[in-house]
Protein backbone atom coordinates (compact mmCIF):
# COMPACT_ATOMS: atom_id res chain seq x y z
CA UNK A 1 -29.37 2.32 -15.35
CA UNK A 2 -26.03 3.89 -14.51
CA UNK A 3 -23.59 2.52 -11.95
CA UNK A 4 -22.12 5.15 -9.63
CA UNK A 5 -19.20 4.78 -7.25
CA UNK A 6 -19.07 7.45 -4.55
CA UNK A 7 -15.77 7.86 -2.71
CA UNK A 8 -15.71 9.88 0.49
CA UNK A 9 -12.99 11.15 2.76
CA UNK A 10 -13.80 9.54 6.13
CA UNK A 11 -14.76 12.79 7.89
CA UNK A 12 -18.31 13.74 8.84
CA UNK A 13 -18.53 16.80 6.60
CA UNK A 14 -17.21 14.87 3.61
CA UNK A 15 -19.43 11.85 4.26
CA UNK A 16 -22.72 13.63 4.99
CA UNK A 17 -23.08 15.60 1.78
CA UNK A 18 -23.46 12.62 -0.61
CA UNK A 19 -26.47 11.18 1.27
CA UNK A 20 -29.30 13.05 -0.51
CA UNK A 21 -27.62 12.68 -3.90
CA UNK A 22 -27.17 8.93 -3.45
CA UNK A 23 -30.74 8.53 -2.21
CA UNK A 24 -32.07 10.34 -5.31
CA UNK A 25 -29.93 8.23 -7.64
CA UNK A 26 -31.17 5.02 -5.99
CA UNK A 27 -34.78 6.25 -6.21
CA UNK A 28 -34.25 6.91 -9.92
CA UNK A 29 -33.19 3.29 -10.42
CA UNK A 30 -29.43 3.69 -10.57
CA UNK A 31 -26.98 1.40 -8.79
CA UNK A 32 -24.64 3.00 -6.28
CA UNK A 33 -21.73 1.71 -4.22
CA UNK A 34 -20.26 4.01 -1.61
CA UNK A 35 -16.60 3.73 -0.61
CA UNK A 36 -16.40 5.31 2.84
CA UNK A 37 -15.17 4.95 6.39
CA UNK A 38 -16.70 2.14 8.43
CA UNK A 39 -18.41 4.61 10.77
CA UNK A 40 -20.60 5.59 7.81
CA UNK A 41 -21.59 2.05 6.76
CA UNK A 42 -25.12 2.28 8.20
CA UNK A 43 -25.62 5.69 6.60
CA UNK A 44 -24.56 4.31 3.23
CA UNK A 45 -26.79 1.26 3.50
CA UNK A 46 -29.76 3.40 4.63
CA UNK A 47 -29.67 5.15 1.24
CA UNK A 48 -29.96 1.78 -0.50
CA UNK A 49 -26.37 1.95 -1.74
CA UNK A 50 -23.87 -0.83 -1.47
CA UNK A 51 -21.10 -0.15 1.01
CA UNK A 52 -17.37 -0.68 0.47
CA UNK A 53 -15.12 0.06 3.44
CA UNK A 54 -11.91 2.03 3.26
CA UNK A 55 -9.15 -0.47 3.98
CA UNK A 56 -5.90 0.78 2.46
CA UNK A 57 -6.23 4.51 3.09
CA UNK A 58 -6.49 5.50 6.74
CA UNK A 59 -10.03 5.08 8.06
CA UNK A 60 -10.31 7.76 10.71
CA UNK A 61 -14.10 7.86 10.52
CA UNK A 62 -14.49 6.61 14.08
CA UNK A 63 -13.02 9.78 15.61
CA UNK A 64 -14.74 13.14 15.77
CA UNK A 65 -11.54 15.11 16.19
CA UNK A 66 -8.87 14.22 13.60
CA UNK A 67 -6.19 14.90 16.21
CA UNK A 68 -7.37 11.76 18.00
CA UNK A 69 -6.16 9.81 14.96
CA UNK A 70 -3.24 12.11 14.17
CA UNK A 71 -2.09 13.14 17.69
CA UNK A 72 1.05 14.88 16.42
CA UNK A 73 -1.24 17.61 15.08
CA UNK A 74 -2.05 18.68 18.66
CA UNK A 75 1.42 20.17 18.99
CA UNK A 76 1.00 22.48 16.01
CA UNK A 77 -0.64 25.88 15.60
CA UNK A 78 -1.51 28.25 12.79
CA UNK A 79 -0.19 27.63 9.32
CA UNK A 80 1.96 24.70 10.48
CA UNK A 81 -1.20 22.94 11.71
CA UNK A 82 -3.11 23.65 8.51
CA UNK A 83 -0.26 22.36 6.33
CA UNK A 84 0.29 19.21 8.40
CA UNK A 85 -3.43 18.44 8.64
CA UNK A 86 -3.90 18.90 4.89
CA UNK A 87 -0.89 16.64 4.25
CA UNK A 88 -1.97 13.87 6.64
CA UNK A 89 -5.75 13.92 6.20
CA UNK A 90 -5.82 14.44 2.44
CA UNK A 91 -2.56 14.24 0.47
CA UNK A 92 -1.01 11.26 2.26
CA UNK A 93 -4.20 9.26 1.74
CA UNK A 94 -3.92 9.26 -2.06
CA UNK A 95 -1.96 6.02 -2.44
CA UNK A 96 -4.33 4.07 -0.19
CA UNK A 97 -7.32 5.66 -1.92
CA UNK A 98 -6.09 4.47 -5.30
CA UNK A 99 -5.68 0.96 -3.92
CA UNK A 100 -9.16 1.04 -2.35
CA UNK A 101 -10.69 2.34 -5.58
CA UNK A 102 -9.03 -0.39 -7.63
CA UNK A 103 -10.31 -3.06 -5.22
CA UNK A 104 -13.88 -1.76 -5.40
CA UNK A 105 -13.80 -1.28 -9.17
CA UNK A 106 -12.63 -4.89 -9.60
CA UNK A 107 -16.03 -5.97 -8.24
CA UNK A 108 -18.20 -3.00 -9.23
CA UNK A 109 -17.73 -1.72 -12.77
CA UNK A 110 -18.81 1.87 -12.21
CA UNK A 111 -19.81 4.10 -15.08
CA UNK A 112 -19.25 7.23 -12.99
CA UNK A 113 -17.03 7.97 -9.99
CA UNK A 114 -18.11 10.81 -7.71
CA UNK A 115 -15.77 12.06 -5.00
CA UNK A 116 -15.23 15.08 -2.86
CA UNK A 117 -12.55 17.35 -4.31
CA UNK A 118 -10.03 16.44 -1.61
CA UNK A 119 -10.09 12.74 -2.48
CA UNK A 120 -6.89 12.79 -4.50
CA UNK A 121 -7.03 9.08 -5.28
CA UNK A 122 -9.73 9.55 -7.93
CA UNK A 123 -7.80 11.86 -10.29
CA UNK A 124 -4.65 9.78 -9.82
CA UNK A 125 -6.54 6.61 -10.74
CA UNK A 126 -8.13 8.40 -13.72
CA UNK A 127 -4.68 9.43 -14.92
CA UNK A 128 -3.35 5.89 -14.49
CA UNK A 129 -6.26 4.37 -16.38
CA UNK A 130 -6.48 7.20 -18.93
CA UNK A 131 -10.18 7.72 -18.24
C-alpha cells in the first residue's frame, strides 16, 4: 500500500480533476489524504480519502468567481488582470502551501505527493527537504 497526498489549488477546475484518480487509488487499496479548500471536503471524503483543509494558504474555495475573494482584480483588464490573478491566486499562495503541506505531512507520512502544476508549494517543499 502506498500513501498519497494530493494537494489542490482551491478552485473548482483544480479540485475536480483529482476525484477519479483518488477514487481509483482508494479502490486499489492505497491510502490517500487530500489537502484542499473546505468547500471540497465532502467531495474528498466521498472518494474515501482523508481530508486536510487549507489553513495557511488562502482558502478561496467558497467563491465561484475569484474576484469575490480578490476584489482588486475587478479593476484590471487584459494582461494586467492575467498577471495580477496569476500572482494572487497561484504565486502568492506558495508560502502558505508549504506551511499547510508541512502540517499535513507531520501527521500523514506520504510516499507520493500529487499536485496540480500551479501549486508552487510542492516543489518549494521538495527543494527544502531535498526530496
